[in-house]
């Protein structure tokens, strides 16, 4: 397992992985999946990688193949976690935990002091992982993005 910052050469494989994971995420409506795929396509990823002090993109690799990712942004010293995901065949093998730990180490070095994120209120796997990583549930956000329910989370670094 290798975890590192995303390179421009990763974009074709990363955009395909994000598309596949978002498209098959059962927690989101069809509209949410469509819009989130568009926000994380190859063009958007190129733009993100062009702003490395604002956007943070990480990949997890197994035998040189991208199998996990974490994408978010720095807003005035607070990191907003947009997405993290692991290819289906690689789940429950520590990739999500490893990429989030690595991300947190990089964010600390970059003087980011807090992480905020959200999960769908029915996403038991992400809820368990964020709890394990020391994130605190801030509250319940009813009828939020795409008219779906979310939990909001924070973690001090």
C-alpha atoms as a PDB file:
ATOM      1  CA  UNK A   1       0.000   0.000   0.000  1.00  0.00           C
ATOM      2  CA  UNK A   2       1.314   3.435  -0.984  1.00  0.00           C
ATOM      3  CA  UNK A   3      -0.389   6.718  -0.050  1.00  0.00           C
ATOM      4  CA  UNK A   4       0.692   9.997  -1.651  1.00  0.00           C
ATOM      5  CA  UNK A   5      -0.435  13.309  -3.093  1.00  0.00           C
ATOM      6  CA  UNK A   6      -2.086  13.054  -6.463  1.00  0.00           C
ATOM      7  CA  UNK A   7      -0.012  13.794  -9.577  1.00  0.00           C
ATOM      8  CA  UNK A   8      -1.298  15.185 -12.878  1.00  0.00           C
ATOM      9  CA  UNK A   9      -0.470  11.833 -14.473  1.00  0.00           C
ATOM     10  CA  UNK A  10      -2.984  10.197 -12.080  1.00  0.00           C
ATOM     11  CA  UNK A  11      -5.927  12.202 -13.389  1.00  0.00           C
ATOM     12  CA  UNK A  12      -7.303   9.728 -15.985  1.00  0.00           C
ATOM     13  CA  UNK A  13      -7.317   6.839 -13.502  1.00  0.00           C
ATOM     14  CA  UNK A  14      -8.465   8.974 -10.570  1.00  0.00           C
ATOM     15  CA  UNK A  15     -11.352  10.528 -12.501  1.00  0.00           C
ATOM     16  CA  UNK A  16     -12.510   7.043 -13.545  1.00  0.00           C
ATOM     17  CA  UNK A  17     -12.268   5.786  -9.953  1.00  0.00           C
ATOM     18  CA  UNK A  18     -14.168   8.763  -8.514  1.00  0.00           C
ATOM     19  CA  UNK A  19     -16.832   8.336 -11.203  1.00  0.00           C
ATOM     20  CA  UNK A  20     -17.193   4.629 -10.476  1.00  0.00           C
ATOM     21  CA  UNK A  21     -17.358   5.060  -6.699  1.00  0.00           C
ATOM     22  CA  UNK A  22     -19.764   8.002  -6.766  1.00  0.00           C
ATOM     23  CA  UNK A  23     -21.977   6.318  -9.398  1.00  0.00           C
ATOM     24  CA  UNK A  24     -22.359   3.190  -7.278  1.00  0.00           C
ATOM     25  CA  UNK A  25     -22.774   4.885  -3.888  1.00  0.00           C
ATOM     26  CA  UNK A  26     -26.211   3.777  -2.710  1.00  0.00           C
ATOM     27  CA  UNK A  27     -26.536   6.623  -0.183  1.00  0.00           C
ATOM     28  CA  UNK A  28     -27.023   9.360  -2.766  1.00  0.00           C
ATOM     29  CA  UNK A  29     -29.886  10.234  -5.072  1.00  0.00           C
ATOM     30  CA  UNK A  30     -29.489   9.997  -8.845  1.00  0.00           C
ATOM     31  CA  UNK A  31     -29.236  13.801  -9.050  1.00  0.00           C
ATOM     32  CA  UNK A  32     -26.559  13.892  -6.327  1.00  0.00           C
ATOM     33  CA  UNK A  33     -24.495  11.225  -8.082  1.00  0.00           C
ATOM     34  CA  UNK A  34     -24.757  13.003 -11.439  1.00  0.00           C
ATOM     35  CA  UNK A  35     -23.714  16.391 -10.022  1.00  0.00           C
ATOM     36  CA  UNK A  36     -20.899  15.006  -7.839  1.00  0.00           C
ATOM     37  CA  UNK A  37     -19.442  13.030 -10.749  1.00  0.00           C
ATOM     38  CA  UNK A  38     -19.362  16.220 -12.805  1.00  0.00           C
ATOM     39  CA  UNK A  39     -17.664  18.132  -9.949  1.00  0.00           C
ATOM     40  CA  UNK A  40     -14.888  15.492  -9.826  1.00  0.00           C
ATOM     41  CA  UNK A  41     -14.283  14.765 -13.507  1.00  0.00           C
ATOM     42  CA  UNK A  42     -10.861  14.993 -15.209  1.00  0.00           C
ATOM     43  CA  UNK A  43     -11.251  18.699 -15.989  1.00  0.00           C
ATOM     44  CA  UNK A  44     -12.153  19.525 -12.390  1.00  0.00           C
ATOM     45  CA  UNK A  45      -9.324  17.373 -11.021  1.00  0.00           C
ATOM     46  CA  UNK A  46      -6.802  19.175 -13.278  1.00  0.00           C
ATOM     47  CA  UNK A  47      -8.018  22.490 -11.890  1.00  0.00           C
ATOM     48  CA  UNK A  48      -7.765  21.199  -8.307  1.00  0.00           C
ATOM     49  CA  UNK A  49      -4.221  19.936  -8.779  1.00  0.00           C
ATOM     50  CA  UNK A  50      -3.277  23.345 -10.165  1.00  0.00           C
ATOM     51  CA  UNK A  51      -4.088  24.877  -6.774  1.00  0.00           C
ATOM     52  CA  UNK A  52      -2.122  22.694  -4.305  1.00  0.00           C
ATOM     53  CA  UNK A  53      -2.405  25.122  -1.361  1.00  0.00           C
ATOM     54  CA  UNK A  54      -6.189  25.207  -1.680  1.00  0.00           C
ATOM     55  CA  UNK A  55      -7.118  21.716  -2.894  1.00  0.00           C
ATOM     56  CA  UNK A  56      -5.735  18.554  -1.348  1.00  0.00           C
ATOM     57  CA  UNK A  57      -5.980  15.372  -3.387  1.00  0.00           C
ATOM     58  CA  UNK A  58      -4.481  12.093  -2.200  1.00  0.00           C
ATOM     59  CA  UNK A  59      -4.436   8.621  -3.693  1.00  0.00           C
ATOM     60  CA  UNK A  60      -3.857   5.158  -2.291  1.00  0.00           C
ATOM     61  CA  UNK A  61      -2.170   2.636  -4.557  1.00  0.00           C
ATOM     62  CA  UNK A  62      -1.752  -1.116  -4.552  1.00  0.00           C
ATOM     63  CA  UNK A  63       0.845  -2.471  -6.978  1.00  0.00           C
ATOM     64  CA  UNK A  64       0.849   0.906  -8.785  1.00  0.00           C
ATOM     65  CA  UNK A  65      -2.951   0.950  -9.259  1.00  0.00           C
ATOM     66  CA  UNK A  66      -5.041   3.746  -7.715  1.00  0.00           C
ATOM     67  CA  UNK A  67      -7.561   2.076  -5.410  1.00  0.00           C
ATOM     68  CA  UNK A  68      -8.505   4.905  -3.009  1.00  0.00           C
ATOM     69  CA  UNK A  69      -8.693   8.682  -2.882  1.00  0.00           C
ATOM     70  CA  UNK A  70      -9.364  11.662  -0.623  1.00  0.00           C
ATOM     71  CA  UNK A  71     -10.291  15.089  -1.992  1.00  0.00           C
ATOM     72  CA  UNK A  72     -10.902  18.321  -0.099  1.00  0.00           C
ATOM     73  CA  UNK A  73      -9.979  21.965   0.206  1.00  0.00           C
ATOM     74  CA  UNK A  74      -8.425  24.477   2.581  1.00  0.00           C
ATOM     75  CA  UNK A  75     -10.682  27.342   3.531  1.00  0.00           C
ATOM     76  CA  UNK A  76      -8.808  29.775   5.821  1.00  0.00           C
ATOM     77  CA  UNK A  77      -7.037  27.028   7.769  1.00  0.00           C
ATOM     78  CA  UNK A  78     -10.044  24.701   7.909  1.00  0.00           C
ATOM     79  CA  UNK A  79     -10.044  21.663   5.629  1.00  0.00           C
ATOM     80  CA  UNK A  80     -13.390  20.694   4.123  1.00  0.00           C
ATOM     81  CA  UNK A  81     -13.397  17.011   3.160  1.00  0.00           C
ATOM     82  CA  UNK A  82     -15.358  16.610  -0.055  1.00  0.00           C
ATOM     83  CA  UNK A  83     -14.939  12.909  -0.787  1.00  0.00           C
ATOM     84  CA  UNK A  84     -12.970   9.843   0.121  1.00  0.00           C
ATOM     85  CA  UNK A  85     -13.509   6.432  -1.354  1.00  0.00           C
ATOM     86  CA  UNK A  86     -12.041   2.986  -1.827  1.00  0.00           C
ATOM     87  CA  UNK A  87     -12.518   0.670  -4.801  1.00  0.00           C
ATOM     88  CA  UNK A  88     -15.001  -2.052  -3.843  1.00  0.00           C
ATOM     89  CA  UNK A  89     -12.540  -4.978  -4.037  1.00  0.00           C
ATOM     90  CA  UNK A  90     -10.103  -3.165  -1.699  1.00  0.00           C
ATOM     91  CA  UNK A  91     -12.508  -2.218   1.090  1.00  0.00           C
ATOM     92  CA  UNK A  92     -12.000  -3.468   4.656  1.00  0.00           C
ATOM     93  CA  UNK A  93      -8.237  -3.696   4.095  1.00  0.00           C
ATOM     94  CA  UNK A  94      -7.220  -0.435   5.790  1.00  0.00           C
ATOM     95  CA  UNK A  95      -7.044   1.849   2.745  1.00  0.00           C
ATOM     96  CA  UNK A  96      -9.574   4.396   4.012  1.00  0.00           C
ATOM     97  CA  UNK A  97      -7.918   4.591   7.426  1.00  0.00           C
ATOM     98  CA  UNK A  98      -4.444   4.870   5.875  1.00  0.00           C
ATOM     99  CA  UNK A  99      -5.341   7.619   3.416  1.00  0.00           C
ATOM    100  CA  UNK A 100      -7.138   9.686   6.066  1.00  0.00           C
ATOM    101  CA  UNK A 101      -4.222   9.336   8.498  1.00  0.00           C
ATOM    102  CA  UNK A 102      -1.787  10.407   5.773  1.00  0.00           C
ATOM    103  CA  UNK A 103      -4.053  13.312   4.810  1.00  0.00           C
ATOM    104  CA  UNK A 104      -4.167  14.463   8.433  1.00  0.00           C
ATOM    105  CA  UNK A 105      -0.356  14.379   8.702  1.00  0.00           C
ATOM    106  CA  UNK A 106      -0.013  16.527   5.574  1.00  0.00           C
ATOM    107  CA  UNK A 107      -2.690  18.954   6.758  1.00  0.00           C
ATOM    108  CA  UNK A 108      -0.933  19.392  10.124  1.00  0.00           C
ATOM    109  CA  UNK A 109       2.355  20.167   8.357  1.00  0.00           C
ATOM    110  CA  UNK A 110       0.497  22.719   6.222  1.00  0.00           C
ATOM    111  CA  UNK A 111      -0.773  24.424   9.433  1.00  0.00           C
ATOM    112  CA  UNK A 112      -4.396  23.488   8.854  1.00  0.00           C
ATOM    113  CA  UNK A 113      -5.983  23.362  12.300  1.00  0.00           C
ATOM    114  CA  UNK A 114      -9.404  21.773  11.761  1.00  0.00           C
ATOM    115  CA  UNK A 115     -11.255  19.335   9.522  1.00  0.00           C
ATOM    116  CA  UNK A 116     -14.925  19.626   8.687  1.00  0.00           C
ATOM    117  CA  UNK A 117     -16.850  17.086   6.661  1.00  0.00           C
ATOM    118  CA  UNK A 118     -20.223  15.486   6.214  1.00  0.00           C
ATOM    119  CA  UNK A 119     -21.637  12.023   5.755  1.00  0.00           C
ATOM    120  CA  UNK A 120     -25.012  10.881   4.653  1.00  0.00           C
ATOM    121  CA  UNK A 121     -26.931  10.006   7.800  1.00  0.00           C
ATOM    122  CA  UNK A 122     -27.370   6.420   6.543  1.00  0.00           C
ATOM    123  CA  UNK A 123     -23.710   5.797   5.605  1.00  0.00           C
ATOM    124  CA  UNK A 124     -22.791   3.507   8.515  1.00  0.00           C
ATOM    125  CA  UNK A 125     -19.299   2.734   7.167  1.00  0.00           C
ATOM    126  CA  UNK A 126     -18.196   6.376   6.913  1.00  0.00           C
ATOM    127  CA  UNK A 127     -19.833   7.226  10.236  1.00  0.00           C
ATOM    128  CA  UNK A 128     -17.897   4.419  11.950  1.00  0.00           C
ATOM    129  CA  UNK A 129     -14.609   5.403  10.288  1.00  0.00           C
ATOM    130  CA  UNK A 130     -14.886   9.089  11.174  1.00  0.00           C
ATOM    131  CA  UNK A 131     -15.732   8.165  14.760  1.00  0.00           C
ATOM    132  CA  UNK A 132     -12.708   5.862  14.895  1.00  0.00           C
ATOM    133  CA  UNK A 133     -10.526   8.698  13.557  1.00  0.00           C
ATOM    134  CA  UNK A 134     -11.632  11.014  16.372  1.00  0.00           C
ATOM    135  CA  UNK A 135     -14.074  13.183  14.456  1.00  0.00           C
ATOM    136  CA  UNK A 136     -16.931  14.639  16.520  1.00  0.00           C
ATOM    137  CA  UNK A 137     -20.466  14.699  15.216  1.00  0.00           C
ATOM    138  CA  UNK A 138     -21.566  18.351  15.190  1.00  0.00           C
ATOM    139  CA  UNK A 139     -25.159  17.741  14.335  1.00  0.00           C
ATOM    140  CA  UNK A 140     -27.808  16.531  11.993  1.00  0.00           C
ATOM    141  CA  UNK A 141     -28.461  18.497   8.801  1.00  0.00           C
ATOM    142  CA  UNK A 142     -31.975  17.639   7.616  1.00  0.00           C
ATOM    143  CA  UNK A 143     -32.974  18.171   3.993  1.00  0.00           C
ATOM    144  CA  UNK A 144     -29.504  19.440   3.055  1.00  0.00           C
ATOM    145  CA  UNK A 145     -27.564  19.029  -0.167  1.00  0.00           C
ATOM    146  CA  UNK A 146     -29.721  17.427  -2.858  1.00  0.00           C
ATOM    147  CA  UNK A 147     -32.563  17.398  -0.286  1.00  0.00           C
ATOM    148  CA  UNK A 148     -30.897  14.570   1.651  1.00  0.00           C
ATOM    149  CA  UNK A 149     -30.035  14.206   5.353  1.00  0.00           C
ATOM    150  CA  UNK A 150     -26.444  14.490   6.597  1.00  0.00           C
ATOM    151  CA  UNK A 151     -24.343  14.493   9.722  1.00  0.00           C
ATOM    152  CA  UNK A 152     -21.761  17.248  10.007  1.00  0.00           C
ATOM    153  CA  UNK A 153     -18.374  16.409  11.586  1.00  0.00           C
ATOM    154  CA  UNK A 154     -15.270  18.161  12.874  1.00  0.00           C
ATOM    155  CA  UNK A 155     -11.808  17.212  14.044  1.00  0.00           C
ATOM    156  CA  UNK A 156      -9.138  19.445  15.552  1.00  0.00           C
ATOM    157  CA  UNK A 157      -5.647  18.764  14.277  1.00  0.00           C
END
